[in-house]
Amino acid sequence: RLPMVRLNLDEDVKPLSEFRASVASCIRRTRQTRRPLVITHHGKSAAVLLGVSEYEGMMQKMELLEDIRQAEIQLAQDAGVPHAAALKQVLAKVRR
């Protein structure tokens, strides 16, 4: 999977009125470029259009970061499992 391409402020910000007039082309452009599209309302950012694969990739990354955060909290509270014990548990499950 290719990473999402960063926003280009010159091309990737559209007012709501322009977005409404060209929804299909905005979606097509978002799919092709893999860049998000910021939609503005009354001159302020209001929403972001994002391709499905980019959204899924972003959610997977967020889930992984949340898992890491939880692990760090558990380690800080001495709730971690030593590596040898964890390896033993994993191998026992795999061998079943």
PDB file of N, CA and C in Angstrom:
ATOM      1  N   ARG A   1       0.837  -1.172   0.000  1.00  0.00           N
ATOM      2  CA  ARG A   1       0.000   0.000   0.000  1.00  0.00           C
ATOM      3  C   ARG A   1       0.884   1.237   0.000  1.00  0.00           C
ATOM      4  N   LEU A   2       0.576   2.156  -0.877  1.00  0.00           N
ATOM      5  CA  LEU A   2       1.337   3.399  -0.948  1.00  0.00           C
ATOM      6  C   LEU A   2       0.838   4.362   0.124  1.00  0.00           C
ATOM      7  N   PRO A   3       1.721   5.142   0.719  1.00  0.00           N
ATOM      8  CA  PRO A   3       1.282   6.090   1.746  1.00  0.00           C
ATOM      9  C   PRO A   3       0.483   7.244   1.141  1.00  0.00           C
ATOM     10  N   MET A   4      -0.366   7.836   1.975  1.00  0.00           N
ATOM     11  CA  MET A   4      -1.133   8.999   1.547  1.00  0.00           C
ATOM     12  C   MET A   4      -0.165  10.139   1.241  1.00  0.00           C
ATOM     13  N   VAL A   5      -0.459  10.871   0.188  1.00  0.00           N
ATOM     14  CA  VAL A   5       0.372  11.995  -0.208  1.00  0.00           C
ATOM     15  C   VAL A   5      -0.081  13.223   0.581  1.00  0.00           C
ATOM     16  N   ARG A   6       0.871  14.052   0.961  1.00  0.00           N
ATOM     17  CA  ARG A   6       0.547  15.239   1.770  1.00  0.00           C
ATOM     18  C   ARG A   6      -0.296  16.238   0.999  1.00  0.00           C
ATOM     19  N   LEU A   7      -1.054  16.981   1.727  1.00  0.00           N
ATOM     20  CA  LEU A   7      -1.922  18.026   1.209  1.00  0.00           C
ATOM     21  C   LEU A   7      -1.120  19.098   0.474  1.00  0.00           C
ATOM     22  N   ASN A   8      -1.628  19.537  -0.674  1.00  0.00           N
ATOM     23  CA  ASN A   8      -1.039  20.639  -1.427  1.00  0.00           C
ATOM     24  C   ASN A   8      -1.998  21.819  -1.268  1.00  0.00           C
ATOM     25  N   LEU A   9      -1.639  22.806  -0.486  1.00  0.00           N
ATOM     26  CA  LEU A   9      -2.559  23.893  -0.147  1.00  0.00           C
ATOM     27  C   LEU A   9      -3.028  24.688  -1.359  1.00  0.00           C
ATOM     28  N   ASP A  10      -2.226  24.747  -2.413  1.00  0.00           N
ATOM     29  CA  ASP A  10      -2.641  25.467  -3.619  1.00  0.00           C
ATOM     30  C   ASP A  10      -3.749  24.751  -4.382  1.00  0.00           C
ATOM     31  N   GLU A  11      -3.811  23.427  -4.274  1.00  0.00           N
ATOM     32  CA  GLU A  11      -4.755  22.651  -5.072  1.00  0.00           C
ATOM     33  C   GLU A  11      -5.805  21.902  -4.267  1.00  0.00           C
ATOM     34  N   ASP A  12      -5.574  21.673  -2.999  1.00  0.00           N
ATOM     35  CA  ASP A  12      -6.404  20.750  -2.229  1.00  0.00           C
ATOM     36  C   ASP A  12      -7.338  21.413  -1.226  1.00  0.00           C
ATOM     37  N   VAL A  13      -7.678  22.657  -1.456  1.00  0.00           N
ATOM     38  CA  VAL A  13      -8.642  23.353  -0.615  1.00  0.00           C
ATOM     39  C   VAL A  13      -9.707  23.927  -1.538  1.00  0.00           C
ATOM     40  N   LYS A  14     -10.974  23.557  -1.280  1.00  0.00           N
ATOM     41  CA  LYS A  14     -12.058  24.031  -2.138  1.00  0.00           C
ATOM     42  C   LYS A  14     -13.199  24.543  -1.280  1.00  0.00           C
ATOM     43  N   PRO A  15     -13.817  25.642  -1.700  1.00  0.00           N
ATOM     44  CA  PRO A  15     -15.005  26.106  -0.994  1.00  0.00           C
ATOM     45  C   PRO A  15     -16.165  25.136  -1.236  1.00  0.00           C
ATOM     46  N   LEU A  16     -17.079  25.073  -0.309  1.00  0.00           N
ATOM     47  CA  LEU A  16     -18.222  24.172  -0.393  1.00  0.00           C
ATOM     48  C   LEU A  16     -19.001  24.355  -1.693  1.00  0.00           C
ATOM     49  N   SER A  17     -19.184  25.588  -2.132  1.00  0.00           N
ATOM     50  CA  SER A  17     -19.939  25.835  -3.361  1.00  0.00           C
ATOM     51  C   SER A  17     -19.255  25.187  -4.572  1.00  0.00           C
ATOM     52  N   GLU A  18     -17.937  25.270  -4.640  1.00  0.00           N
ATOM     53  CA  GLU A  18     -17.197  24.652  -5.745  1.00  0.00           C
ATOM     54  C   GLU A  18     -17.232  23.127  -5.630  1.00  0.00           C
ATOM     55  N   PHE A  19     -17.147  22.629  -4.400  1.00  0.00           N
ATOM     56  CA  PHE A  19     -17.229  21.181  -4.180  1.00  0.00           C
ATOM     57  C   PHE A  19     -18.590  20.656  -4.631  1.00  0.00           C
ATOM     58  N   ARG A  20     -19.665  21.331  -4.261  1.00  0.00           N
ATOM     59  CA  ARG A  20     -21.023  20.916  -4.663  1.00  0.00           C
ATOM     60  C   ARG A  20     -21.161  20.857  -6.186  1.00  0.00           C
ATOM     61  N   ALA A  21     -20.564  21.808  -6.863  1.00  0.00           N
ATOM     62  CA  ALA A  21     -20.680  21.883  -8.320  1.00  0.00           C
ATOM     63  C   ALA A  21     -19.864  20.806  -9.032  1.00  0.00           C
ATOM     64  N   SER A  22     -18.887  20.232  -8.339  1.00  0.00           N
ATOM     65  CA  SER A  22     -18.010  19.258  -9.013  1.00  0.00           C
ATOM     66  C   SER A  22     -17.657  18.081  -8.107  1.00  0.00           C
ATOM     67  N   VAL A  23     -18.658  17.520  -7.440  1.00  0.00           N
ATOM     68  CA  VAL A  23     -18.420  16.414  -6.503  1.00  0.00           C
ATOM     69  C   VAL A  23     -17.700  15.252  -7.180  1.00  0.00           C
ATOM     70  N   ALA A  24     -18.206  14.816  -8.327  1.00  0.00           N
ATOM     71  CA  ALA A  24     -17.620  13.651  -8.999  1.00  0.00           C
ATOM     72  C   ALA A  24     -16.157  13.887  -9.352  1.00  0.00           C
ATOM     73  N   SER A  25     -15.835  15.060  -9.875  1.00  0.00           N
ATOM     74  CA  SER A  25     -14.432  15.315 -10.240  1.00  0.00           C
ATOM     75  C   SER A  25     -13.559  15.449  -8.997  1.00  0.00           C
ATOM     76  N   CYS A  26     -14.099  15.963  -7.913  1.00  0.00           N
ATOM     77  CA  CYS A  26     -13.328  16.051  -6.661  1.00  0.00           C
ATOM     78  C   CYS A  26     -13.011  14.652  -6.129  1.00  0.00           C
ATOM     79  N   ILE A  27     -13.989  13.759  -6.197  1.00  0.00           N
ATOM     80  CA  ILE A  27     -13.769  12.384  -5.748  1.00  0.00           C
ATOM     81  C   ILE A  27     -12.744  11.702  -6.650  1.00  0.00           C
ATOM     82  N   ARG A  28     -12.882  11.865  -7.934  1.00  0.00           N
ATOM     83  CA  ARG A  28     -11.941  11.266  -8.891  1.00  0.00           C
ATOM     84  C   ARG A  28     -10.516  11.778  -8.638  1.00  0.00           C
ATOM     85  N   ARG A  29     -10.370  13.092  -8.420  1.00  0.00           N
ATOM     86  CA  ARG A  29      -9.056  13.678  -8.158  1.00  0.00           C
ATOM     87  C   ARG A  29      -8.459  13.141  -6.864  1.00  0.00           C
ATOM     88  N   THR A  30      -9.302  12.999  -5.855  1.00  0.00           N
ATOM     89  CA  THR A  30      -8.832  12.485  -4.562  1.00  0.00           C
ATOM     90  C   THR A  30      -8.339  11.049  -4.702  1.00  0.00           C
ATOM     91  N   ARG A  31      -9.058  10.251  -5.481  1.00  0.00           N
ATOM     92  CA  ARG A  31      -8.624   8.859  -5.716  1.00  0.00           C
ATOM     93  C   ARG A  31      -7.312   8.815  -6.489  1.00  0.00           C
ATOM     94  N   GLN A  32      -7.194   9.634  -7.518  1.00  0.00           N
ATOM     95  CA  GLN A  32      -6.010   9.604  -8.378  1.00  0.00           C
ATOM     96  C   GLN A  32      -4.760  10.128  -7.678  1.00  0.00           C
ATOM     97  N   THR A  33      -4.894  11.216  -6.967  1.00  0.00           N
ATOM     98  CA  THR A  33      -3.724  11.839  -6.334  1.00  0.00           C
ATOM     99  C   THR A  33      -3.404  11.257  -4.966  1.00  0.00           C
ATOM    100  N   ARG A  34      -4.394  10.587  -4.335  1.00  0.00           N
ATOM    101  CA  ARG A  34      -4.284  10.063  -2.971  1.00  0.00           C
ATOM    102  C   ARG A  34      -4.061  11.176  -1.953  1.00  0.00           C
ATOM    103  N   ARG A  35      -4.393  12.423  -2.349  1.00  0.00           N
ATOM    104  CA  ARG A  35      -4.281  13.561  -1.434  1.00  0.00           C
ATOM    105  C   ARG A  35      -5.667  13.898  -0.889  1.00  0.00           C
ATOM    106  N   PRO A  36      -5.750  14.294   0.369  1.00  0.00           N
ATOM    107  CA  PRO A  36      -7.039  14.719   0.923  1.00  0.00           C
ATOM    108  C   PRO A  36      -7.466  16.052   0.318  1.00  0.00           C
ATOM    109  N   LEU A  37      -8.758  16.315   0.387  1.00  0.00           N
ATOM    110  CA  LEU A  37      -9.308  17.579  -0.088  1.00  0.00           C
ATOM    111  C   LEU A  37      -9.990  18.269   1.088  1.00  0.00           C
ATOM    112  N   VAL A  38      -9.562  19.462   1.410  1.00  0.00           N
ATOM    113  CA  VAL A  38     -10.171  20.234   2.492  1.00  0.00           C
ATOM    114  C   VAL A  38     -11.304  21.070   1.895  1.00  0.00           C
ATOM    115  N   ILE A  39     -12.471  20.953   2.490  1.00  0.00           N
ATOM    116  CA  ILE A  39     -13.633  21.704   2.038  1.00  0.00           C
ATOM    117  C   ILE A  39     -13.885  22.821   3.046  1.00  0.00           C
ATOM    118  N   THR A  40     -13.998  24.026   2.533  1.00  0.00           N
ATOM    119  CA  THR A  40     -14.210  25.182   3.414  1.00  0.00           C
ATOM    120  C   THR A  40     -15.660  25.644   3.341  1.00  0.00           C
ATOM    121  N   HIS A  41     -16.082  26.278   4.419  1.00  0.00           N
ATOM    122  CA  HIS A  41     -17.426  26.855   4.504  1.00  0.00           C
ATOM    123  C   HIS A  41     -17.285  28.223   5.155  1.00  0.00           C
ATOM    124  N   HIS A  42     -17.692  29.241   4.443  1.00  0.00           N
ATOM    125  CA  HIS A  42     -17.531  30.622   4.917  1.00  0.00           C
ATOM    126  C   HIS A  42     -16.068  30.939   5.230  1.00  0.00           C
ATOM    127  N   GLY A  43     -15.173  30.423   4.392  1.00  0.00           N
ATOM    128  CA  GLY A  43     -13.755  30.744   4.524  1.00  0.00           C
ATOM    129  C   GLY A  43     -12.995  29.965   5.578  1.00  0.00           C
ATOM    130  N   LYS A  44     -13.668  29.043   6.266  1.00  0.00           N
ATOM    131  CA  LYS A  44     -13.007  28.246   7.307  1.00  0.00           C
ATOM    132  C   LYS A  44     -13.091  26.772   6.949  1.00  0.00           C
ATOM    133  N   SER A  45     -12.051  26.014   7.300  1.00  0.00           N
ATOM    134  CA  SER A  45     -12.068  24.579   7.016  1.00  0.00           C
ATOM    135  C   SER A  45     -13.240  23.935   7.741  1.00  0.00           C
ATOM    136  N   ALA A  46     -13.962  23.046   7.013  1.00  0.00           N
ATOM    137  CA  ALA A  46     -15.158  22.440   7.572  1.00  0.00           C
ATOM    138  C   ALA A  46     -15.140  20.913   7.508  1.00  0.00           C
ATOM    139  N   ALA A  47     -14.502  20.359   6.467  1.00  0.00           N
ATOM    140  CA  ALA A  47     -14.502  18.908   6.300  1.00  0.00           C
ATOM    141  C   ALA A  47     -13.301  18.505   5.445  1.00  0.00           C
ATOM    142  N   VAL A  48     -13.026  17.191   5.463  1.00  0.00           N
ATOM    143  CA  VAL A  48     -11.943  16.653   4.652  1.00  0.00           C
ATOM    144  C   VAL A  48     -12.478  15.455   3.880  1.00  0.00           C
ATOM    145  N   LEU A  49     -12.250  15.453   2.576  1.00  0.00           N
ATOM    146  CA  LEU A  49     -12.580  14.314   1.731  1.00  0.00           C
ATOM    147  C   LEU A  49     -11.313  13.485   1.597  1.00  0.00           C
ATOM    148  N   LEU A  50     -11.444  12.196   1.877  1.00  0.00           N
ATOM    149  CA  LEU A  50     -10.288  11.317   1.901  1.00  0.00           C
ATOM    150  C   LEU A  50     -10.650  10.024   1.189  1.00  0.00           C
ATOM    151  N   GLY A  51      -9.743   9.485   0.376  1.00  0.00           N
ATOM    152  CA  GLY A  51      -9.976   8.209  -0.278  1.00  0.00           C
ATOM    153  C   GLY A  51     -10.108   7.088   0.740  1.00  0.00           C
ATOM    154  N   VAL A  52     -10.873   6.064   0.389  1.00  0.00           N
ATOM    155  CA  VAL A  52     -11.134   4.965   1.309  1.00  0.00           C
ATOM    156  C   VAL A  52      -9.850   4.255   1.720  1.00  0.00           C
ATOM    157  N   SER A  53      -8.969   3.957   0.785  1.00  0.00           N
ATOM    158  CA  SER A  53      -7.742   3.244   1.147  1.00  0.00           C
ATOM    159  C   SER A  53      -6.854   4.099   2.049  1.00  0.00           C
ATOM    160  N   GLU A  54      -6.822   5.403   1.811  1.00  0.00           N
ATOM    161  CA  GLU A  54      -6.045   6.295   2.682  1.00  0.00           C
ATOM    162  C   GLU A  54      -6.664   6.344   4.076  1.00  0.00           C
ATOM    163  N   TYR A  55      -7.989   6.376   4.125  1.00  0.00           N
ATOM    164  CA  TYR A  55      -8.686   6.378   5.416  1.00  0.00           C
ATOM    165  C   TYR A  55      -8.391   5.087   6.183  1.00  0.00           C
ATOM    166  N   GLU A  56      -8.495   3.945   5.503  1.00  0.00           N
ATOM    167  CA  GLU A  56      -8.222   2.667   6.158  1.00  0.00           C
ATOM    168  C   GLU A  56      -6.783   2.598   6.667  1.00  0.00           C
ATOM    169  N   GLY A  57      -5.837   3.067   5.855  1.00  0.00           N
ATOM    170  CA  GLY A  57      -4.445   3.079   6.284  1.00  0.00           C
ATOM    171  C   GLY A  57      -4.234   3.964   7.502  1.00  0.00           C
ATOM    172  N   MET A  58      -4.882   5.110   7.497  1.00  0.00           N
ATOM    173  CA  MET A  58      -4.775   6.036   8.619  1.00  0.00           C
ATOM    174  C   MET A  58      -5.370   5.410   9.896  1.00  0.00           C
ATOM    175  N   MET A  59      -6.502   4.719   9.751  1.00  0.00           N
ATOM    176  CA  MET A  59      -7.126   4.081  10.917  1.00  0.00           C
ATOM    177  C   MET A  59      -6.244   2.953  11.461  1.00  0.00           C
ATOM    178  N   GLN A  60      -5.616   2.184  10.582  1.00  0.00           N
ATOM    179  CA  GLN A  60      -4.712   1.128  11.039  1.00  0.00           C
ATOM    180  C   GLN A  60      -3.545   1.718  11.824  1.00  0.00           C
ATOM    181  N   LYS A  61      -3.005   2.823  11.329  1.00  0.00           N
ATOM    182  CA  LYS A  61      -1.898   3.481  12.033  1.00  0.00           C
ATOM    183  C   LYS A  61      -2.362   3.997  13.397  1.00  0.00           C
ATOM    184  N   MET A  62      -3.550   4.564  13.439  1.00  0.00           N
ATOM    185  CA  MET A  62      -4.067   5.082  14.711  1.00  0.00           C
ATOM    186  C   MET A  62      -4.294   3.950  15.712  1.00  0.00           C
ATOM    187  N   GLU A  63      -4.798   2.811  15.243  1.00  0.00           N
ATOM    188  CA  GLU A  63      -5.004   1.662  16.123  1.00  0.00           C
ATOM    189  C   GLU A  63      -3.674   1.159  16.670  1.00  0.00           C
ATOM    190  N   LEU A  64      -2.661   1.101  15.806  1.00  0.00           N
ATOM    191  CA  LEU A  64      -1.335   0.669  16.250  1.00  0.00           C
ATOM    192  C   LEU A  64      -0.763   1.640  17.281  1.00  0.00           C
ATOM    193  N   LEU A  65      -0.897   2.937  17.032  1.00  0.00           N
ATOM    194  CA  LEU A  65      -0.412   3.931  17.992  1.00  0.00           C
ATOM    195  C   LEU A  65      -1.147   3.825  19.324  1.00  0.00           C
ATOM    196  N   GLU A  66      -2.441   3.540  19.287  1.00  0.00           N
ATOM    197  CA  GLU A  66      -3.207   3.365  20.525  1.00  0.00           C
ATOM    198  C   GLU A  66      -2.724   2.122  21.277  1.00  0.00           C
ATOM    199  N   ASP A  67      -2.429   1.044  20.542  1.00  0.00           N
ATOM    200  CA  ASP A  67      -1.885  -0.160  21.182  1.00  0.00           C
ATOM    201  C   ASP A  67      -0.551   0.142  21.856  1.00  0.00           C
ATOM    202  N   ILE A  68       0.296   0.904  21.191  1.00  0.00           N
ATOM    203  CA  ILE A  68       1.593   1.278  21.763  1.00  0.00           C
ATOM    204  C   ILE A  68       1.394   2.127  23.009  1.00  0.00           C
ATOM    205  N   ARG A  69       0.463   3.079  22.935  1.00  0.00           N
ATOM    206  CA  ARG A  69       0.182   3.940  24.102  1.00  0.00           C
ATOM    207  C   ARG A  69      -0.288   3.100  25.292  1.00  0.00           C
ATOM    208  N   GLN A  70      -1.188   2.151  25.037  1.00  0.00           N
ATOM    209  CA  GLN A  70      -1.680   1.286  26.114  1.00  0.00           C
ATOM    210  C   GLN A  70      -0.548   0.440  26.695  1.00  0.00           C
ATOM    211  N   ALA A  71       0.324  -0.059  25.830  1.00  0.00           N
ATOM    212  CA  ALA A  71       1.461  -0.857  26.307  1.00  0.00           C
ATOM    213  C   ALA A  71       2.388  -0.015  27.176  1.00  0.00           C
ATOM    214  N   GLU A  72       2.626   1.227  26.770  1.00  0.00           N
ATOM    215  CA  GLU A  72       3.482   2.106  27.572  1.00  0.00           C
ATOM    216  C   GLU A  72       2.867   2.368  28.943  1.00  0.00           C
ATOM    217  N   ILE A  73       1.560   2.558  28.987  1.00  0.00           N
ATOM    218  CA  ILE A  73       0.866   2.767  30.270  1.00  0.00           C
ATOM    219  C   ILE A  73       1.004   1.529  31.139  1.00  0.00           C
ATOM    220  N   GLN A  74       0.787   0.358  30.562  1.00  0.00           N
ATOM    221  CA  GLN A  74       0.892  -0.884  31.324  1.00  0.00           C
ATOM    222  C   GLN A  74       2.310  -1.095  31.842  1.00  0.00           C
ATOM    223  N   LEU A  75       3.308  -0.785  31.017  1.00  0.00           N
ATOM    224  CA  LEU A  75       4.691  -0.935  31.465  1.00  0.00           C
ATOM    225  C   LEU A  75       5.007   0.028  32.600  1.00  0.00           C
ATOM    226  N   ALA A  76       4.491   1.255  32.515  1.00  0.00           N
ATOM    227  CA  ALA A  76       4.721   2.240  33.572  1.00  0.00           C
ATOM    228  C   ALA A  76       4.078   1.802  34.883  1.00  0.00           C
ATOM    229  N   GLN A  77       3.029   0.997  34.794  1.00  0.00           N
ATOM    230  CA  GLN A  77       2.338   0.503  35.990  1.00  0.00           C
ATOM    231  C   GLN A  77       2.839  -0.891  36.398  1.00  0.00           C
ATOM    232  N   ASP A  78       3.974  -1.294  35.847  1.00  0.00           N
ATOM    233  CA  ASP A  78       4.551  -2.625  36.101  1.00  0.00           C
ATOM    234  C   ASP A  78       3.566  -3.746  35.796  1.00  0.00           C
ATOM    235  N   ALA A  79       2.713  -3.549  34.797  1.00  0.00           N
ATOM    236  CA  ALA A  79       1.744  -4.566  34.408  1.00  0.00           C
ATOM    237  C   ALA A  79       2.218  -5.349  33.186  1.00  0.00           C
ATOM    238  N   GLY A  80       3.463  -5.127  32.800  1.00  0.00           N
ATOM    239  CA  GLY A  80       3.998  -5.808  31.624  1.00  0.00           C
ATOM    240  C   GLY A  80       4.353  -7.256  31.925  1.00  0.00           C
ATOM    241  N   VAL A  81       4.582  -8.010  30.876  1.00  0.00           N
ATOM    242  CA  VAL A  81       4.982  -9.419  30.980  1.00  0.00           C
ATOM    243  C   VAL A  81       6.406  -9.522  30.444  1.00  0.00           C
ATOM    244  N   PRO A  82       7.301 -10.185  31.149  1.00  0.00           N
ATOM    245  CA  PRO A  82       8.662 -10.348  30.652  1.00  0.00           C
ATOM    246  C   PRO A  82       8.661 -11.028  29.271  1.00  0.00           C
ATOM    247  N   HIS A  83       9.647 -10.706  28.462  1.00  0.00           N
ATOM    248  CA  HIS A  83       9.719 -11.218  27.096  1.00  0.00           C
ATOM    249  C   HIS A  83       9.637 -12.741  27.049  1.00  0.00           C
ATOM    250  N   ALA A  84      10.381 -13.410  27.908  1.00  0.00           N
ATOM    251  CA  ALA A  84      10.392 -14.880  27.901  1.00  0.00           C
ATOM    252  C   ALA A  84       9.007 -15.442  28.183  1.00  0.00           C
ATOM    253  N   ALA A  85       8.288 -14.843  29.114  1.00  0.00           N
ATOM    254  CA  ALA A  85       6.942 -15.314  29.439  1.00  0.00           C
ATOM    255  C   ALA A  85       5.977 -15.048  28.291  1.00  0.00           C
ATOM    256  N   ALA A  86       6.110 -13.891  27.664  1.00  0.00           N
ATOM    257  CA  ALA A  86       5.245 -13.558  26.524  1.00  0.00           C
ATOM    258  C   ALA A  86       5.507 -14.511  25.369  1.00  0.00           C
ATOM    259  N   LEU A  87       6.764 -14.798  25.093  1.00  0.00           N
ATOM    260  CA  LEU A  87       7.119 -15.715  24.019  1.00  0.00           C
ATOM    261  C   LEU A  87       6.541 -17.096  24.289  1.00  0.00           C
ATOM    262  N   LYS A  88       6.638 -17.538  25.513  1.00  0.00           N
ATOM    263  CA  LYS A  88       6.096 -18.846  25.900  1.00  0.00           C
ATOM    264  C   LYS A  88       4.586 -18.892  25.678  1.00  0.00           C
ATOM    265  N   GLN A  89       3.876 -17.817  26.040  1.00  0.00           N
ATOM    266  CA  GLN A  89       2.420 -17.760  25.849  1.00  0.00           C
ATOM    267  C   GLN A  89       2.063 -17.795  24.364  1.00  0.00           C
ATOM    268  N   VAL A  90       2.774 -17.039  23.562  1.00  0.00           N
ATOM    269  CA  VAL A  90       2.492 -16.982  22.128  1.00  0.00           C
ATOM    270  C   VAL A  90       2.756 -18.332  21.479  1.00  0.00           C
ATOM    271  N   LEU A  91       3.884 -18.933  21.793  1.00  0.00           N
ATOM    272  CA  LEU A  91       4.218 -20.237  21.212  1.00  0.00           C
ATOM    273  C   LEU A  91       3.220 -21.309  21.624  1.00  0.00           C
ATOM    274  N   ALA A  92       2.729 -21.249  22.851  1.00  0.00           N
ATOM    275  CA  ALA A  92       1.732 -22.216  23.305  1.00  0.00           C
ATOM    276  C   ALA A  92       0.438 -22.079  22.486  1.00  0.00           C
ATOM    277  N   LYS A  93       0.059 -20.869  22.156  1.00  0.00           N
ATOM    278  CA  LYS A  93      -1.162 -20.653  21.360  1.00  0.00           C
ATOM    279  C   LYS A  93      -0.971 -21.095  19.917  1.00  0.00           C
ATOM    280  N   VAL A  94       0.214 -20.854  19.377  1.00  0.00           N
ATOM    281  CA  VAL A  94       0.495 -21.200  17.982  1.00  0.00           C
ATOM    282  C   VAL A  94       0.541 -22.719  17.797  1.00  0.00           C
ATOM    283  N   ARG A  95       1.051 -23.415  18.767  1.00  0.00           N
ATOM    284  CA  ARG A  95       1.235 -24.865  18.658  1.00  0.00           C
ATOM    285  C   ARG A  95      -0.042 -25.653  18.882  1.00  0.00           C
ATOM    286  N   ARG A  96      -1.096 -25.006  19.299  1.00  0.00           N
ATOM    287  CA  ARG A  96      -2.362 -25.736  19.564  1.00  0.00           C
ATOM    288  C   ARG A  96      -2.994 -26.228  18.321  1.00  0.00           C
TER     289      ARG A  96
END
